[in-house]
Each structure stands twice: as structure tokens, then as C-alpha cells.
Amino acid sequence: MKITFVHNDTERTIEANPHESLLNHLTPGGSQDGPCLNGRCLRCSILLGGRVVPACSVPVFRVDGMTVRDISGLEHDSLFRDIRKAFDKIGVNRCQEALPALIMLAYQLLSEVSIPTDAELRDYSRHITSRCISRDEFERATRLAGRVQKRRRNEQPG
């Protein structure tokens, strides 16, 4: 089956079994080394339709005609940069294995609501499966990034 999708601003067309994992088509040479391959670790997180999902559990037919962003596709986004800085300041960056998924969870939340409530933060932090970062640290870093984004929007002329 021919599948066409946009991956980080680049249109791609692949020939694949429709039920094959998307992860096999996003990483060089196939699936990445050491992922859980069951979707629980979120190491292979992508944004699909604005939602964070593990690429290993997405069949390729689901992305036909859609836009897929992985962590590298967010690097030029100001929200991404603010989240990165907030994570660095709080110390969330020490968890390199889980960092992309954590950033993408924060990105999704802050894209939906600029200043999340405690309940919204708790709802997102429940997805954290890493032992090297606490939910509290994730919530503090996400709050900080939200405040920085709000201040940035308020400073913009218009």
C-alpha cells in the first residue's frame, strides 16, 4: 500500500504493509535500538494530529494524509525552545532517554492551554514512566515554560 504523509515538513511517500509500525519508517535503517515496542515507554513519541503517541504502536495506514512531527521537527518552534530551557532550569534534562517524550507531552499540553491547571498537569504527568524524573519536576518545568510563553505573547506588538 502506498502511504503519503508529511514528516517534519517533508512530504514522504512510502510503500508499506498498512499494519506495519510507523516507527520502522521514521528511524534510519528501521526501528530504533532498545525501544519497548509496546508504546508504554514513549521513547519513540511523535505528534500526530496534535497528540503525543508512540510511533511503535501506530500502523502506517493511520498517517496517510497526515502530518507527523518528532522531536527534531520542533527544534525551530519557540514553544519547544521555552520548554527545553525550562526543563534545563528545573533539571529535567538529566533524563536523556525520556526527555523527548517529556518535552512532547509538555508541548502538547501547552499547545492546548497556555497556563495549565494543576489537574491538567497531573493528567499529563501520569504518563511519565521514567524513574529518573519525578512528576513534580515535570509539572514545575511545564508551568515555567507556560509562564514564559504567556509573557512572550504579552510582549509581542499587536
C-alpha atoms as a PDB file:
ATOM      1  CA  MET A   1       0.000   0.000   0.000  1.00  0.00           C
ATOM      2  CA  LYS A   2       1.223   3.499  -0.844  1.00  0.00           C
ATOM      3  CA  ILE A   3       1.163   5.889   2.141  1.00  0.00           C
ATOM      4  CA  THR A   4       1.811   9.627   1.824  1.00  0.00           C
ATOM      5  CA  PHE A   5       2.371  11.799   4.877  1.00  0.00           C
ATOM      6  CA  VAL A   6       4.328  14.847   5.990  1.00  0.00           C
ATOM      7  CA  HIS A   7       7.208  14.123   8.348  1.00  0.00           C
ATOM      8  CA  ASN A   8       8.701  17.257   9.924  1.00  0.00           C
ATOM      9  CA  ASP A   9       7.702  19.479   6.968  1.00  0.00           C
ATOM     10  CA  THR A  10       8.869  16.979   4.328  1.00  0.00           C
ATOM     11  CA  GLU A  11       6.296  15.072   2.298  1.00  0.00           C
ATOM     12  CA  ARG A  12       7.077  11.373   2.134  1.00  0.00           C
ATOM     13  CA  THR A  13       5.539   8.534   0.181  1.00  0.00           C
ATOM     14  CA  ILE A  14       6.304   5.000   1.244  1.00  0.00           C
ATOM     15  CA  GLU A  15       5.263   1.564   0.099  1.00  0.00           C
ATOM     16  CA  ALA A  16       4.392  -0.487   3.174  1.00  0.00           C
ATOM     17  CA  ASN A  17       2.167  -3.090   4.718  1.00  0.00           C
ATOM     18  CA  PRO A  18      -0.662  -0.919   6.116  1.00  0.00           C
ATOM     19  CA  HIS A  19      -0.380  -2.547   9.559  1.00  0.00           C
ATOM     20  CA  GLU A  20       3.389  -2.192   9.809  1.00  0.00           C
ATOM     21  CA  SER A  21       4.689   0.062  12.600  1.00  0.00           C
ATOM     22  CA  LEU A  22       5.304   3.683  11.654  1.00  0.00           C
ATOM     23  CA  LEU A  23       8.494   3.553  13.731  1.00  0.00           C
ATOM     24  CA  ASN A  24      10.108   1.423  11.026  1.00  0.00           C
ATOM     25  CA  HIS A  25       9.751   4.331   8.585  1.00  0.00           C
ATOM     26  CA  LEU A  26      10.830   7.194  10.838  1.00  0.00           C
ATOM     27  CA  THR A  27      14.188   5.975  12.074  1.00  0.00           C
ATOM     28  CA  PRO A  28      17.210   5.357   9.841  1.00  0.00           C
ATOM     29  CA  GLY A  29      17.512   1.678   8.992  1.00  0.00           C
ATOM     30  CA  GLY A  30      14.273   0.655  10.668  1.00  0.00           C
ATOM     31  CA  SER A  31      13.260   0.531  14.312  1.00  0.00           C
ATOM     32  CA  GLN A  32      15.475   2.136  16.921  1.00  0.00           C
ATOM     33  CA  ASP A  33      17.664   0.109  19.265  1.00  0.00           C
ATOM     34  CA  GLY A  34      16.158  -0.797  22.598  1.00  0.00           C
ATOM     35  CA  PRO A  35      12.618   0.608  22.435  1.00  0.00           C
ATOM     36  CA  CYS A  36       9.909  -1.138  24.362  1.00  0.00           C
ATOM     37  CA  LEU A  37       7.913  -1.606  21.140  1.00  0.00           C
ATOM     38  CA  ASN A  38       4.654  -1.718  23.085  1.00  0.00           C
ATOM     39  CA  GLY A  39       4.020   2.009  23.372  1.00  0.00           C
ATOM     40  CA  ARG A  40       4.390   2.380  27.117  1.00  0.00           C
ATOM     41  CA  CYS A  41       7.846   3.932  27.406  1.00  0.00           C
ATOM     42  CA  LEU A  42       7.079   6.805  24.966  1.00  0.00           C
ATOM     43  CA  ARG A  43      10.726   6.872  23.772  1.00  0.00           C
ATOM     44  CA  CYS A  44       9.534   6.913  20.180  1.00  0.00           C
ATOM     45  CA  SER A  45       6.976   9.679  20.774  1.00  0.00           C
ATOM     46  CA  ILE A  46       5.614  11.667  17.862  1.00  0.00           C
ATOM     47  CA  LEU A  47       2.940  14.313  17.483  1.00  0.00           C
ATOM     48  CA  LEU A  48       0.135  13.007  15.305  1.00  0.00           C
ATOM     49  CA  GLY A  49      -2.880  15.247  14.937  1.00  0.00           C
ATOM     50  CA  GLY A  50      -1.510  17.372  17.775  1.00  0.00           C
ATOM     51  CA  ARG A  51      -1.449  14.411  20.192  1.00  0.00           C
ATOM     52  CA  VAL A  52       1.574  12.575  21.570  1.00  0.00           C
ATOM     53  CA  VAL A  53       1.561   8.930  20.552  1.00  0.00           C
ATOM     54  CA  PRO A  54       4.266   6.245  20.432  1.00  0.00           C
ATOM     55  CA  ALA A  55       5.307   5.667  16.810  1.00  0.00           C
ATOM     56  CA  CYS A  56       5.899   1.977  17.531  1.00  0.00           C
ATOM     57  CA  SER A  57       2.177   1.429  18.095  1.00  0.00           C
ATOM     58  CA  VAL A  58       0.895   3.426  15.097  1.00  0.00           C
ATOM     59  CA  PRO A  59       0.206   1.398  11.962  1.00  0.00           C
ATOM     60  CA  VAL A  60       1.350   3.274   8.866  1.00  0.00           C
ATOM     61  CA  PHE A  61      -2.131   3.387   7.344  1.00  0.00           C
ATOM     62  CA  ARG A  62      -3.159   5.796  10.151  1.00  0.00           C
ATOM     63  CA  VAL A  63      -0.754   8.504   8.955  1.00  0.00           C
ATOM     64  CA  ASP A  64      -1.881   8.585   5.329  1.00  0.00           C
ATOM     65  CA  GLY A  65      -2.509  12.255   4.517  1.00  0.00           C
ATOM     66  CA  MET A  66      -1.436  13.422   7.990  1.00  0.00           C
ATOM     67  CA  THR A  67       1.431  15.405   9.482  1.00  0.00           C
ATOM     68  CA  VAL A  68       3.848  13.627  11.815  1.00  0.00           C
ATOM     69  CA  ARG A  69       6.345  15.515  13.962  1.00  0.00           C
ATOM     70  CA  ASP A  70       9.072  14.010  16.039  1.00  0.00           C
ATOM     71  CA  ILE A  71      11.309  15.905  18.455  1.00  0.00           C
ATOM     72  CA  SER A  72      13.638  17.107  15.684  1.00  0.00           C
ATOM     73  CA  GLY A  73      10.675  18.658  13.863  1.00  0.00           C
ATOM     74  CA  LEU A  74      10.017  21.001  16.799  1.00  0.00           C
ATOM     75  CA  GLU A  75      13.514  22.486  17.150  1.00  0.00           C
ATOM     76  CA  HIS A  76      12.669  25.786  15.440  1.00  0.00           C
ATOM     77  CA  ASP A  77       9.464  26.355  17.416  1.00  0.00           C
ATOM     78  CA  SER A  78       9.588  28.989  20.188  1.00  0.00           C
ATOM     79  CA  LEU A  79       7.398  26.881  22.492  1.00  0.00           C
ATOM     80  CA  PHE A  80       9.810  23.966  22.094  1.00  0.00           C
ATOM     81  CA  ARG A  81      12.768  26.223  22.940  1.00  0.00           C
ATOM     82  CA  ASP A  82      10.977  27.599  26.018  1.00  0.00           C
ATOM     83  CA  ILE A  83      10.142  24.084  27.205  1.00  0.00           C
ATOM     84  CA  ARG A  84      13.768  23.000  26.673  1.00  0.00           C
ATOM     85  CA  LYS A  85      15.058  25.960  28.713  1.00  0.00           C
ATOM     86  CA  ALA A  86      12.521  25.326  31.494  1.00  0.00           C
ATOM     87  CA  PHE A  87      13.445  21.637  31.595  1.00  0.00           C
ATOM     88  CA  ASP A  88      17.139  22.583  31.785  1.00  0.00           C
ATOM     89  CA  LYS A  89      16.474  25.030  34.616  1.00  0.00           C
ATOM     90  CA  ILE A  90      14.452  22.505  36.670  1.00  0.00           C
ATOM     91  CA  GLY A  91      16.899  19.675  35.911  1.00  0.00           C
ATOM     92  CA  VAL A  92      14.612  17.514  33.818  1.00  0.00           C
ATOM     93  CA  ASN A  93      17.343  17.337  31.145  1.00  0.00           C
ATOM     94  CA  ARG A  94      19.306  14.752  33.150  1.00  0.00           C
ATOM     95  CA  CYS A  95      16.949  12.062  31.886  1.00  0.00           C
ATOM     96  CA  GLN A  96      18.085  11.901  28.251  1.00  0.00           C
ATOM     97  CA  GLU A  97      16.236   8.678  27.446  1.00  0.00           C
ATOM     98  CA  ALA A  98      12.836  10.053  28.447  1.00  0.00           C
ATOM     99  CA  LEU A  99      13.484  13.699  27.553  1.00  0.00           C
ATOM    100  CA  PRO A 100      11.939  13.699  24.046  1.00  0.00           C
ATOM    101  CA  ALA A 101       8.678  12.195  25.320  1.00  0.00           C
ATOM    102  CA  LEU A 102       8.565  14.583  28.277  1.00  0.00           C
ATOM    103  CA  ILE A 103       9.136  17.597  26.027  1.00  0.00           C
ATOM    104  CA  MET A 104       6.475  16.416  23.617  1.00  0.00           C
ATOM    105  CA  LEU A 105       3.960  15.872  26.442  1.00  0.00           C
ATOM    106  CA  ALA A 106       4.628  19.403  27.694  1.00  0.00           C
ATOM    107  CA  TYR A 107       4.418  20.719  24.118  1.00  0.00           C
ATOM    108  CA  GLN A 108       1.034  19.080  23.560  1.00  0.00           C
ATOM    109  CA  LEU A 109      -0.353  20.415  26.831  1.00  0.00           C
ATOM    110  CA  LEU A 110       0.949  23.965  26.352  1.00  0.00           C
ATOM    111  CA  SER A 111      -0.312  23.987  22.765  1.00  0.00           C
ATOM    112  CA  GLU A 112      -3.792  23.239  24.085  1.00  0.00           C
ATOM    113  CA  VAL A 113      -3.787  25.544  27.137  1.00  0.00           C
ATOM    114  CA  SER A 114      -1.209  28.242  27.789  1.00  0.00           C
ATOM    115  CA  ILE A 115      -1.385  28.029  31.584  1.00  0.00           C
ATOM    116  CA  PRO A 116      -2.428  24.509  32.613  1.00  0.00           C
ATOM    117  CA  THR A 117      -4.323  23.852  35.815  1.00  0.00           C
ATOM    118  CA  ASP A 118      -2.953  21.519  38.477  1.00  0.00           C
ATOM    119  CA  ALA A 119      -5.464  18.870  37.345  1.00  0.00           C
ATOM    120  CA  GLU A 120      -4.323  19.167  33.716  1.00  0.00           C
ATOM    121  CA  LEU A 121      -0.679  18.874  34.757  1.00  0.00           C
ATOM    122  CA  ARG A 122      -1.434  15.805  36.881  1.00  0.00           C
ATOM    123  CA  ASP A 123      -3.313  14.252  33.986  1.00  0.00           C
ATOM    124  CA  TYR A 124      -0.296  14.670  31.688  1.00  0.00           C
ATOM    125  CA  SER A 125       2.314  13.713  34.263  1.00  0.00           C
ATOM    126  CA  ARG A 126       0.619  10.355  34.827  1.00  0.00           C
ATOM    127  CA  HIS A 127       2.153   9.268  31.503  1.00  0.00           C
ATOM    128  CA  ILE A 128       5.674   9.588  32.923  1.00  0.00           C
ATOM    129  CA  THR A 129       7.202   6.141  33.269  1.00  0.00           C
ATOM    130  CA  SER A 130      10.819   7.179  33.786  1.00  0.00           C
ATOM    131  CA  ARG A 131      12.418   6.702  37.183  1.00  0.00           C
ATOM    132  CA  CYS A 132      14.952   9.492  36.632  1.00  0.00           C
ATOM    133  CA  ILE A 133      12.362  12.289  36.695  1.00  0.00           C
ATOM    134  CA  SER A 134       9.571  12.945  39.144  1.00  0.00           C
ATOM    135  CA  ARG A 135       6.095  14.053  38.194  1.00  0.00           C
ATOM    136  CA  ASP A 136       6.629  17.149  40.343  1.00  0.00           C
ATOM    137  CA  GLU A 137       9.692  18.153  38.299  1.00  0.00           C
ATOM    138  CA  PHE A 138       7.795  17.676  35.047  1.00  0.00           C
ATOM    139  CA  GLU A 139       4.897  19.767  36.361  1.00  0.00           C
ATOM    140  CA  ARG A 140       7.183  22.571  37.611  1.00  0.00           C
ATOM    141  CA  ALA A 141       9.092  22.718  34.326  1.00  0.00           C
ATOM    142  CA  THR A 142       5.888  22.737  32.285  1.00  0.00           C
ATOM    143  CA  ARG A 143       4.404  25.519  34.443  1.00  0.00           C
ATOM    144  CA  LEU A 144       7.586  27.563  33.986  1.00  0.00           C
ATOM    145  CA  ALA A 145       7.524  27.123  30.200  1.00  0.00           C
ATOM    146  CA  GLY A 146       3.851  28.135  30.146  1.00  0.00           C
ATOM    147  CA  ARG A 147       4.595  31.321  32.079  1.00  0.00           C
ATOM    148  CA  VAL A 148       7.476  32.176  29.730  1.00  0.00           C
ATOM    149  CA  GLN A 149       5.237  31.612  26.674  1.00  0.00           C
ATOM    150  CA  LYS A 150       2.492  33.784  28.167  1.00  0.00           C
ATOM    151  CA  ARG A 151       4.989  36.577  28.876  1.00  0.00           C
ATOM    152  CA  ARG A 152       6.362  36.270  25.322  1.00  0.00           C
ATOM    153  CA  ARG A 153       2.848  36.597  23.835  1.00  0.00           C
ATOM    154  CA  ASN A 154       2.099  39.621  26.023  1.00  0.00           C
ATOM    155  CA  GLU A 155       5.309  41.349  24.866  1.00  0.00           C
ATOM    156  CA  GLN A 156       4.562  40.895  21.174  1.00  0.00           C
ATOM    157  CA  PRO A 157       3.256  44.037  19.460  1.00  0.00           C
ATOM    158  CA  GLY A 158      -0.170  43.770  18.030  1.00  0.00           C
END
